[in-house]
C-alpha cells in the first residue's frame, strides 16, 4: 500500500514548510510567504495553504496572528494534538534525529482496567526508551491488545516507528486517540533510563488508541524528561479539544 496516498495535501505542504523553517531557510523573526504566494508556489487553494500554516502555528513554529503574514518563531520541540502522530512520525517531520529501544516486553493477563479498555483477557506489555538527538527523552509503557500482540512481537527491538511498521506489516492504522496529560515524579526505573534524579518531574501523557472502526489497539503511559518536549493545543470558542480533569494526588513510585 502507498502510505503517501493517505497524506492530505495540506500535510505535505506543512511538512515542506516545517523542514524549511528547521533548516533555516526561513530564519527566526522572518515573515513566512503570504497565503497567496504559497498557494501559487504549491498550486493549491488558499484554504489548503491556510490549513498547512495553521498546523505550523499549532506547533509553535510560526505566529498565530490572523490577517497578516506569519512570523517565524523558532524551532521549539512542540508536539501538536491537532492530528494523531506517533513520536517517531513527529520527530521525523520536525527534522530530529531519533531512536527507540525495547527494554522489556512480556505477555500477561490483562488487569481489570486494561480488559475494559482493550476488550481482551491477555495483553502484551512493552517498556521502550525513546531518544532525540542521542539523548534519552521518553519512557513508554505500552500495553497492546491481544489481537495485535503477535505483530508487535515480530518487530525488531530498535524499531524506529511501531506505528509505521504495523501499517506496513498488517495494514493497521491508528485512527483515534484519547490523551490525558499530567506531571509525575520519576521513580527508580524512569530515573535510571532517563538519566535524571529520582523524584525529578516528568511530563506524563496517557493515551488509548483505536482503529477507524473503534477497535482498541493500545493503552500507554508515556513519560517525558522535563524540558525535552512541549505539547501544543490549538482551540477556539467553538472547538476546544482540551478538557481539564481533577488530578490524582497520589505519589507514584
Protein backbone atom coordinates (compact mmCIF):
# COMPACT_ATOMS: atom_id res chain seq x y z
CA UNK A 1 0.00 0.00 0.00
CA UNK A 2 1.18 3.53 -0.74
CA UNK A 3 1.29 5.43 2.51
CA UNK A 4 1.87 8.70 0.64
CA UNK A 5 -1.63 8.42 -0.82
CA UNK A 6 -3.09 8.68 2.69
CA UNK A 7 -1.42 12.05 3.43
CA UNK A 8 -3.61 15.09 2.88
CA UNK A 9 -2.33 17.85 0.58
CA UNK A 10 -2.08 20.38 3.40
CA UNK A 11 0.01 17.94 5.45
CA UNK A 12 2.56 17.65 2.62
CA UNK A 13 2.74 21.45 2.35
CA UNK A 14 3.14 21.74 6.13
CA UNK A 15 5.92 19.12 6.07
CA UNK A 16 7.89 21.04 3.44
CA UNK A 17 7.47 24.40 5.19
CA UNK A 18 8.44 22.81 8.51
CA UNK A 19 11.64 21.41 7.01
CA UNK A 20 12.48 24.84 5.60
CA UNK A 21 11.97 26.51 8.99
CA UNK A 22 14.05 23.90 10.83
CA UNK A 23 16.85 24.14 8.25
CA UNK A 24 16.97 27.92 8.42
CA UNK A 25 15.52 28.74 5.00
CA UNK A 26 13.02 30.90 6.90
CA UNK A 27 15.06 32.36 9.82
CA UNK A 28 13.58 33.12 13.23
CA UNK A 29 11.91 36.54 13.11
CA UNK A 30 11.36 36.50 9.36
CA UNK A 31 7.97 36.55 7.66
CA UNK A 32 6.58 33.44 6.08
CA UNK A 33 5.42 33.99 2.47
CA UNK A 34 1.81 35.14 2.21
CA UNK A 35 -1.06 32.68 1.64
CA UNK A 36 -1.35 33.94 -1.94
CA UNK A 37 2.36 33.36 -2.58
CA UNK A 38 2.27 29.89 -1.03
CA UNK A 39 -0.87 28.97 -2.95
CA UNK A 40 0.86 29.92 -6.21
CA UNK A 41 4.04 28.09 -5.24
CA UNK A 42 2.24 24.82 -4.48
CA UNK A 43 -0.58 25.16 -7.00
CA UNK A 44 -3.06 24.78 -4.15
CA UNK A 45 -6.18 26.55 -2.96
CA UNK A 46 -5.66 29.24 -0.32
CA UNK A 47 -7.82 27.24 2.09
CA UNK A 48 -5.41 24.30 1.77
CA UNK A 49 -2.44 26.58 2.42
CA UNK A 50 -4.26 28.10 5.39
CA UNK A 51 -4.68 24.61 6.90
CA UNK A 52 -0.97 23.88 6.42
CA UNK A 53 0.10 27.13 8.08
CA UNK A 54 -2.36 26.50 10.93
CA UNK A 55 -0.55 23.23 11.66
CA UNK A 56 2.75 25.11 11.98
CA UNK A 57 1.09 27.71 14.22
CA UNK A 58 -0.27 24.93 16.46
CA UNK A 59 3.27 23.56 16.77
CA UNK A 60 4.61 26.96 17.81
CA UNK A 61 6.84 27.35 14.73
CA UNK A 62 5.04 30.44 13.41
CA UNK A 63 2.89 33.13 14.98
CA UNK A 64 -0.85 32.52 15.16
CA UNK A 65 -1.88 36.12 14.43
CA UNK A 66 -4.60 36.36 11.76
CA UNK A 67 -4.80 38.83 8.85
CA UNK A 68 -1.04 39.24 8.40
CA UNK A 69 2.00 37.30 7.30
CA UNK A 70 3.03 34.76 9.90
CA UNK A 71 6.27 35.41 11.79
CA UNK A 72 8.70 32.51 12.21
CA UNK A 73 9.06 31.98 15.97
CA UNK A 74 11.73 29.31 16.22
CA UNK A 75 12.46 25.63 16.49
CA UNK A 76 10.52 24.62 19.59
CA UNK A 77 10.18 20.88 20.12
CA UNK A 78 6.42 21.18 20.22
CA UNK A 79 4.11 18.25 19.53
CA UNK A 80 0.60 19.19 18.39
CA UNK A 81 -2.56 17.26 19.22
CA UNK A 82 -4.31 18.64 16.12
CA UNK A 83 -3.54 15.33 14.42
CA UNK A 84 -2.67 11.85 15.64
CA UNK A 85 1.04 11.18 15.11
CA UNK A 86 3.44 8.78 16.79
CA UNK A 87 6.61 10.02 18.49
CA UNK A 88 8.69 8.83 15.51
CA UNK A 89 6.42 10.50 12.95
CA UNK A 90 6.53 13.77 14.89
CA UNK A 91 10.31 13.64 15.35
CA UNK A 92 10.97 12.88 11.68
CA UNK A 93 8.61 15.61 10.48
CA UNK A 94 10.46 18.11 12.69
CA UNK A 95 13.88 17.11 11.44
CA UNK A 96 15.07 15.49 14.68
CA UNK A 97 17.44 12.53 14.91
CA UNK A 98 15.56 9.92 16.94
CA UNK A 99 15.70 6.34 18.09
CA UNK A 100 13.96 3.70 20.16
CA UNK A 101 14.90 0.56 22.08
CA UNK A 102 12.74 -2.09 23.76
CA UNK A 103 13.95 -2.61 27.34
CA UNK A 104 11.45 -5.31 28.33
CA UNK A 105 8.36 -6.95 26.90
CA UNK A 106 6.11 -9.78 28.06
CA UNK A 107 2.65 -11.22 27.65
CA UNK A 108 0.49 -11.30 30.76
CA UNK A 109 -3.15 -11.37 31.87
CA UNK A 110 -4.93 -8.04 31.44
CA UNK A 111 -5.81 -6.09 34.55
CA UNK A 112 -9.43 -5.19 35.14
CA UNK A 113 -8.97 -1.68 33.74
CA UNK A 114 -7.00 -2.96 30.73
CA UNK A 115 -9.64 -5.57 30.00
CA UNK A 116 -12.28 -2.84 29.89
CA UNK A 117 -10.19 -0.50 27.73
CA UNK A 118 -8.82 -3.09 25.30
CA UNK A 119 -11.56 -5.71 25.33
CA UNK A 120 -9.29 -8.71 25.87
CA UNK A 121 -8.04 -11.00 28.63
CA UNK A 122 -4.36 -11.16 27.61
CA UNK A 123 -2.07 -8.26 26.67
CA UNK A 124 1.49 -7.57 25.57
CA UNK A 125 3.30 -5.05 27.78
CA UNK A 126 6.32 -3.26 26.29
CA UNK A 127 8.76 -0.94 28.06
CA UNK A 128 10.50 1.19 25.45
CA UNK A 129 13.06 4.03 25.70
CA UNK A 130 12.97 6.82 23.09
CA UNK A 131 15.73 9.29 22.26
CA UNK A 132 16.10 12.64 20.49
CA UNK A 133 19.47 13.80 19.15
CA UNK A 134 21.11 10.91 21.01
CA UNK A 135 19.63 11.85 24.40
CA UNK A 136 17.01 9.74 26.28
CA UNK A 137 13.80 11.75 26.49
CA UNK A 138 10.85 9.38 26.80
CA UNK A 139 9.92 6.17 28.58
CA UNK A 140 6.93 4.40 27.02
CA UNK A 141 4.95 1.74 28.86
CA UNK A 142 2.60 0.45 26.20
CA UNK A 143 0.04 -2.30 26.63
CA UNK A 144 -1.18 -3.83 23.36
CA UNK A 145 -4.41 -5.72 22.82
CA UNK A 146 -4.06 -9.46 22.28
CA UNK A 147 -5.12 -9.30 18.61
CA UNK A 148 -2.12 -7.15 17.67
CA UNK A 149 0.43 -8.63 20.11
CA UNK A 150 1.98 -11.16 17.69
CA UNK A 151 2.68 -8.46 15.11
CA UNK A 152 4.35 -6.25 17.73
CA UNK A 153 6.50 -9.13 18.99
CA UNK A 154 7.90 -9.64 15.49
CA UNK A 155 9.27 -6.09 15.33
CA UNK A 156 13.00 -5.53 15.97
CA UNK A 157 13.91 -4.19 19.41
CA UNK A 158 15.24 -0.98 17.86
CA UNK A 159 12.22 -0.38 15.60
CA UNK A 160 12.05 3.37 14.98
CA UNK A 161 8.29 3.60 14.41
CA UNK A 162 5.91 0.93 15.66
CA UNK A 163 3.02 2.81 14.06
CA UNK A 164 4.59 2.71 10.60
CA UNK A 165 5.84 -0.86 10.99
CA UNK A 166 2.38 -2.16 11.91
CA UNK A 167 0.86 -0.30 8.99
CA UNK A 168 3.39 -1.91 6.64
CA UNK A 169 3.04 -5.42 8.08
CA UNK A 170 -0.70 -5.80 8.79
CA UNK A 171 -2.25 -2.60 7.40
CA UNK A 172 -3.08 -1.28 10.88
CA UNK A 173 -3.99 2.40 11.04
CA UNK A 174 -4.05 4.17 14.40
CA UNK A 175 -7.05 6.43 13.83
CA UNK A 176 -8.30 7.88 17.11
CA UNK A 177 -6.61 8.74 20.39
CA UNK A 178 -7.65 9.97 23.81
CA UNK A 179 -4.90 11.75 25.76
CA UNK A 180 -4.53 12.65 29.43
CA UNK A 181 -1.62 14.89 30.47
CA UNK A 182 -0.25 15.44 33.95
CA UNK A 183 3.04 15.54 35.86
CA UNK A 184 4.58 12.78 37.98
CA UNK A 185 7.79 12.25 39.94
CA UNK A 186 10.42 9.97 38.43
CA UNK A 187 10.63 6.57 40.08
CA UNK A 188 13.78 4.45 40.20
CA UNK A 189 13.32 2.90 36.74
CA UNK A 190 12.40 6.14 34.98
CA UNK A 191 15.26 7.99 36.68
CA UNK A 192 17.80 5.39 35.56
CA UNK A 193 16.57 5.23 31.96
CA UNK A 194 16.25 8.99 31.50
CA UNK A 195 19.41 9.91 33.40
CA UNK A 196 17.67 12.12 35.97
CA UNK A 197 17.48 12.10 39.75
CA UNK A 198 14.74 10.10 41.42
CA UNK A 199 11.82 12.39 42.20
CA UNK A 200 12.53 14.70 39.26
CA UNK A 201 9.37 15.98 37.50
CA UNK A 202 8.30 14.15 34.36
CA UNK A 203 5.57 15.13 31.93
CA UNK A 204 3.20 12.18 31.56
CA UNK A 205 0.89 11.52 28.64
CA UNK A 206 -1.56 8.63 28.99
CA UNK A 207 -3.33 7.59 25.83
CA UNK A 208 -5.69 4.98 24.43
CA UNK A 209 -5.70 4.45 20.68
CA UNK A 210 -8.24 2.74 18.40
CA UNK A 211 -8.71 1.89 14.73
CA UNK A 212 -11.14 3.66 12.39
CA UNK A 213 -13.73 1.08 13.42
CA UNK A 214 -13.21 1.88 17.10
CA UNK A 215 -11.34 -1.35 17.88
CA UNK A 216 -8.90 -0.72 20.77
CA UNK A 217 -5.24 -1.21 19.85
CA UNK A 218 -3.17 0.01 22.79
CA UNK A 219 -3.09 1.96 26.01
CA UNK A 220 0.11 3.67 27.04
CA UNK A 221 1.76 5.62 29.85
CA UNK A 222 4.46 7.86 28.29
CA UNK A 223 6.82 9.87 30.49
CA UNK A 224 8.95 12.70 29.08
CA UNK A 225 12.05 14.12 30.71
CA UNK A 226 11.40 17.71 31.80
CA UNK A 227 12.35 20.27 29.15
CA UNK A 228 12.66 17.71 26.34
CA UNK A 229 9.39 18.45 24.53
CA UNK A 230 6.30 20.64 24.81
CA UNK A 231 2.73 19.93 23.75
CA UNK A 232 0.65 22.46 21.83
CA UNK A 233 -3.13 22.57 21.58
CA UNK A 234 -4.96 24.92 19.22
CA UNK A 235 -8.57 25.68 20.13
CA UNK A 236 -11.21 28.34 19.74
CA UNK A 237 -14.50 29.46 21.26
CA UNK A 238 -16.27 26.88 19.08
CA UNK A 239 -13.85 23.96 19.31
CA UNK A 240 -11.99 23.02 22.47
CA UNK A 241 -10.14 19.68 22.25
CA UNK A 242 -8.55 20.24 25.66
CA UNK A 243 -10.58 19.42 28.78
CA UNK A 244 -9.45 19.80 32.39
CA UNK A 245 -9.83 16.99 34.87
CA UNK A 246 -9.07 16.77 38.57
CA UNK A 247 -5.64 15.30 39.21
CA UNK A 248 -4.73 12.22 41.19
CA UNK A 249 -2.87 13.43 44.28
CA UNK A 250 -1.23 10.09 44.99
CA UNK A 251 2.55 9.94 44.52
CA UNK A 252 3.88 7.28 42.18
CA UNK A 253 6.95 5.16 42.67
